[in-house]
Amino acid sequence: MRTPTNQLRAILAAMIMLIATLPSFAHGFEVDGIYYHVLNETVKSVEVTCGENEYSGSITIPSSVTYKGISYSVTQIGYASFCDCFNLTSISIPNSVTKIDSYALYNCI
């Protein structure tokens, strides 16, 4: 019979094993004021996403971005990336972007 302490240890061990199997490339980074999330480390693709600072003014999304010496193709604009960016005046989107997720420009004037 398992004691509550042993059950807690078993649950904790299972959680640690689960976390260890999560993809290590699921991270974000910022380059030149634009925030990115890695979609696929193998083919080196990223999506534009929201970050800690609100986008404003005129934004030009590049077709590729280099971070820590690795070049990524910008292929998507993520869910609610520019949501509520009231001071955004324009966005230039490159041909490399093949998907714009829901609410990407929600509440933008």
C-alpha atoms as a PDB file:
ATOM      1  CA  MET A   1       0.000   0.000   0.000  1.00  0.00           C
ATOM      2  CA  ARG A   2       1.258   3.438  -0.914  1.00  0.00           C
ATOM      3  CA  THR A   3       1.439   6.123   1.707  1.00  0.00           C
ATOM      4  CA  PRO A   4       0.492   9.716   0.866  1.00  0.00           C
ATOM      5  CA  THR A   5       4.196  10.620   0.862  1.00  0.00           C
ATOM      6  CA  ASN A   6       5.011   7.854  -1.615  1.00  0.00           C
ATOM      7  CA  GLN A   7       2.063   8.857  -3.811  1.00  0.00           C
ATOM      8  CA  LEU A   8       3.300  12.450  -3.817  1.00  0.00           C
ATOM      9  CA  ARG A   9       6.787  11.294  -4.779  1.00  0.00           C
ATOM     10  CA  ALA A  10       5.368   9.187  -7.622  1.00  0.00           C
ATOM     11  CA  ILE A  11       3.314  12.108  -8.930  1.00  0.00           C
ATOM     12  CA  LEU A  12       6.299  14.448  -8.686  1.00  0.00           C
ATOM     13  CA  ALA A  13       8.517  11.958 -10.539  1.00  0.00           C
ATOM     14  CA  ALA A  14       5.905  11.587 -13.287  1.00  0.00           C
ATOM     15  CA  MET A  15       5.629  15.376 -13.646  1.00  0.00           C
ATOM     16  CA  ILE A  16       9.400  15.768 -13.914  1.00  0.00           C
ATOM     17  CA  MET A  17       9.549  13.077 -16.592  1.00  0.00           C
ATOM     18  CA  LEU A  18       6.726  14.777 -18.523  1.00  0.00           C
ATOM     19  CA  ILE A  19       8.404  18.192 -18.368  1.00  0.00           C
ATOM     20  CA  ALA A  20      11.691  16.673 -19.524  1.00  0.00           C
ATOM     21  CA  THR A  21      10.013  15.367 -22.686  1.00  0.00           C
ATOM     22  CA  LEU A  22       8.600  18.753 -23.730  1.00  0.00           C
ATOM     23  CA  PRO A  23      10.246  20.257 -26.820  1.00  0.00           C
ATOM     24  CA  SER A  24      13.190  22.445 -25.897  1.00  0.00           C
ATOM     25  CA  PHE A  25      12.544  24.738 -28.869  1.00  0.00           C
ATOM     26  CA  ALA A  26       9.216  26.047 -27.537  1.00  0.00           C
ATOM     27  CA  HIS A  27      10.607  29.409 -26.578  1.00  0.00           C
ATOM     28  CA  GLY A  28      10.310  33.020 -27.565  1.00  0.00           C
ATOM     29  CA  PHE A  29      12.759  35.713 -28.473  1.00  0.00           C
ATOM     30  CA  GLU A  30      12.816  39.335 -29.598  1.00  0.00           C
ATOM     31  CA  VAL A  31      14.754  40.885 -32.469  1.00  0.00           C
ATOM     32  CA  ASP A  32      14.481  44.568 -33.425  1.00  0.00           C
ATOM     33  CA  GLY A  33      11.316  45.071 -31.380  1.00  0.00           C
ATOM     34  CA  ILE A  34       9.406  42.124 -32.877  1.00  0.00           C
ATOM     35  CA  TYR A  35       8.652  39.035 -30.796  1.00  0.00           C
ATOM     36  CA  TYR A  36       8.896  35.515 -32.228  1.00  0.00           C
ATOM     37  CA  HIS A  37       7.971  31.974 -31.231  1.00  0.00           C
ATOM     38  CA  VAL A  38       9.768  28.998 -32.785  1.00  0.00           C
ATOM     39  CA  LEU A  39       7.288  26.800 -34.642  1.00  0.00           C
ATOM     40  CA  ASN A  40       9.637  24.164 -36.003  1.00  0.00           C
ATOM     41  CA  GLU A  41      13.283  23.866 -35.045  1.00  0.00           C
ATOM     42  CA  THR A  42      13.973  21.340 -37.820  1.00  0.00           C
ATOM     43  CA  VAL A  43      12.889  23.575 -40.702  1.00  0.00           C
ATOM     44  CA  LYS A  44      13.769  26.764 -38.772  1.00  0.00           C
ATOM     45  CA  SER A  45      10.415  28.562 -38.894  1.00  0.00           C
ATOM     46  CA  VAL A  46       8.939  31.118 -36.514  1.00  0.00           C
ATOM     47  CA  GLU A  47       5.747  33.075 -36.003  1.00  0.00           C
ATOM     48  CA  VAL A  48       5.352  36.684 -34.918  1.00  0.00           C
ATOM     49  CA  THR A  49       3.760  36.848 -31.485  1.00  0.00           C
ATOM     50  CA  CYS A  50       2.956  39.396 -28.811  1.00  0.00           C
ATOM     51  CA  GLY A  51       5.563  40.302 -26.252  1.00  0.00           C
ATOM     52  CA  GLU A  52       6.090  42.297 -23.123  1.00  0.00           C
ATOM     53  CA  ASN A  53       5.897  45.619 -25.006  1.00  0.00           C
ATOM     54  CA  GLU A  54       2.938  46.668 -27.130  1.00  0.00           C
ATOM     55  CA  TYR A  55       3.605  47.201 -30.831  1.00  0.00           C
ATOM     56  CA  SER A  56       3.239  50.766 -32.082  1.00  0.00           C
ATOM     57  CA  GLY A  57       3.968  52.859 -35.149  1.00  0.00           C
ATOM     58  CA  SER A  58       4.888  51.233 -38.433  1.00  0.00           C
ATOM     59  CA  ILE A  59       6.008  47.590 -38.229  1.00  0.00           C
ATOM     60  CA  THR A  60       7.901  45.808 -40.996  1.00  0.00           C
ATOM     61  CA  ILE A  61       8.007  42.058 -40.492  1.00  0.00           C
ATOM     62  CA  PRO A  62      11.093  40.552 -42.125  1.00  0.00           C
ATOM     63  CA  SER A  63      10.903  37.361 -44.194  1.00  0.00           C
ATOM     64  CA  SER A  64      13.662  35.877 -42.039  1.00  0.00           C
ATOM     65  CA  VAL A  65      15.248  36.663 -38.699  1.00  0.00           C
ATOM     66  CA  THR A  66      18.539  35.587 -37.104  1.00  0.00           C
ATOM     67  CA  TYR A  67      18.751  34.780 -33.412  1.00  0.00           C
ATOM     68  CA  LYS A  68      21.823  33.364 -31.668  1.00  0.00           C
ATOM     69  CA  GLY A  69      23.402  32.679 -35.059  1.00  0.00           C
ATOM     70  CA  ILE A  70      20.426  30.699 -36.393  1.00  0.00           C
ATOM     71  CA  SER A  71      18.359  32.021 -39.303  1.00  0.00           C
ATOM     72  CA  TYR A  72      14.609  31.387 -39.154  1.00  0.00           C
ATOM     73  CA  SER A  73      11.969  31.905 -41.825  1.00  0.00           C
ATOM     74  CA  VAL A  74       9.008  34.000 -40.640  1.00  0.00           C
ATOM     75  CA  THR A  75       5.992  31.986 -41.798  1.00  0.00           C
ATOM     76  CA  GLN A  76       3.092  32.955 -39.521  1.00  0.00           C
ATOM     77  CA  ILE A  77       1.534  35.722 -37.493  1.00  0.00           C
ATOM     78  CA  GLY A  78       0.342  34.138 -34.277  1.00  0.00           C
ATOM     79  CA  TYR A  79      -2.943  34.316 -32.401  1.00  0.00           C
ATOM     80  CA  ALA A  80      -3.693  37.858 -31.147  1.00  0.00           C
ATOM     81  CA  SER A  81      -0.153  39.037 -31.966  1.00  0.00           C
ATOM     82  CA  PHE A  82      -1.177  42.660 -32.515  1.00  0.00           C
ATOM     83  CA  CYS A  83      -4.391  42.563 -30.458  1.00  0.00           C
ATOM     84  CA  ASP A  84      -5.218  45.886 -28.766  1.00  0.00           C
ATOM     85  CA  CYS A  85      -2.166  47.660 -30.223  1.00  0.00           C
ATOM     86  CA  PHE A  86      -3.961  51.007 -30.392  1.00  0.00           C
ATOM     87  CA  ASN A  87      -0.868  52.947 -31.507  1.00  0.00           C
ATOM     88  CA  LEU A  88      -0.082  50.667 -34.446  1.00  0.00           C
ATOM     89  CA  THR A  89      -0.239  52.600 -37.733  1.00  0.00           C
ATOM     90  CA  SER A  90       0.802  49.978 -40.322  1.00  0.00           C
ATOM     91  CA  ILE A  91       2.209  46.480 -40.769  1.00  0.00           C
ATOM     92  CA  SER A  92       4.209  45.268 -43.768  1.00  0.00           C
ATOM     93  CA  ILE A  93       3.874  41.497 -44.133  1.00  0.00           C
ATOM     94  CA  PRO A  94       6.356  39.550 -46.290  1.00  0.00           C
ATOM     95  CA  ASN A  95       5.359  36.848 -48.790  1.00  0.00           C
ATOM     96  CA  SER A  96       6.991  34.253 -46.517  1.00  0.00           C
ATOM     97  CA  VAL A  97       3.991  34.571 -44.172  1.00  0.00           C
ATOM     98  CA  THR A  98       1.471  31.925 -45.215  1.00  0.00           C
ATOM     99  CA  LYS A  99      -0.824  31.970 -42.175  1.00  0.00           C
ATOM    100  CA  ILE A 100      -2.358  34.714 -40.059  1.00  0.00           C
ATOM    101  CA  ASP A 101      -4.037  33.311 -36.954  1.00  0.00           C
ATOM    102  CA  SER A 102      -7.325  34.460 -35.476  1.00  0.00           C
ATOM    103  CA  TYR A 103      -7.498  37.816 -33.742  1.00  0.00           C
ATOM    104  CA  ALA A 104      -4.038  38.779 -35.026  1.00  0.00           C
ATOM    105  CA  LEU A 105      -5.237  42.356 -35.587  1.00  0.00           C
ATOM    106  CA  TYR A 106      -8.187  42.352 -33.219  1.00  0.00           C
ATOM    107  CA  ASN A 107      -9.124  45.770 -31.856  1.00  0.00           C
ATOM    108  CA  CYS A 108      -6.604  47.632 -33.993  1.00  0.00           C
ATOM    109  CA  ILE A 109      -7.798  50.898 -35.469  1.00  0.00           C
END
